[in-house]
Amino acid sequence: MDRKGIASPTVVPHSMVAVGRYLYVVETNHNSILRVNPRNGHIERLHDLSGIDPAPIRIIRKGDDALISTFDGDILKMNLFRGPVEFLQSGYNPVVDLLQFRGRLYLLETFTVPWTPETGRVIRKNRDGSSTEVVTGLNLPIGLAKWQGDLFVSNNSYGQLGVAGTGQILRINCRERD
């Protein structure tokens, strides 16, 4: 497979989602939402968020929209085909992952500000707009996944330099929590 670089050395693409012919990328270093054509390498900056400096981290697709989490604790919404970026919710700690699961949105906060270990949590957005803490006390989690009816969290994920063997993958039994 041929590898072709399509970004400058100062670009920090944090996550992406494939939609149609394009990749939609959140670029943390320059607070940007990019659209990349993987066939020819063309990069288009769709949104410059540097005026609000949210540090976008994760992007997921929800129908025609993208939901974007930020290190500032915001959830943004963007129509993938025609719209601006809008604030959907704010007031969280750094949200490093998002996941649609059983018709609900799950958020992964990595810590409470300031960088406090063992304060990460998984939050479920309920259908009535309220939030439920699903798991608390996580230590610097970074990833959230679903598999066979359960959620999984990568815990002790970063900031553990020099401490071998501390990383964890935790299973969250969601059948008892819904």
Foldseek 3Di string as FASTA:
>chain_A
DDDDDQDDPQWAFQEWDDDDQWIWTQTQRQRFTWIARVVVSDIDTPDGPVVVNFRWHDWDDDPQKIWIFGQQAWIWIARNPDGDIGTPDGDGHRFQDWDQDPNWIKTWHQAHPPQDFQAIFIWIQDPVRDIDTQDGRFGRWHDWDDDDQWIWIWGPPDPCPPPPPPIDIDIRRCVVVD
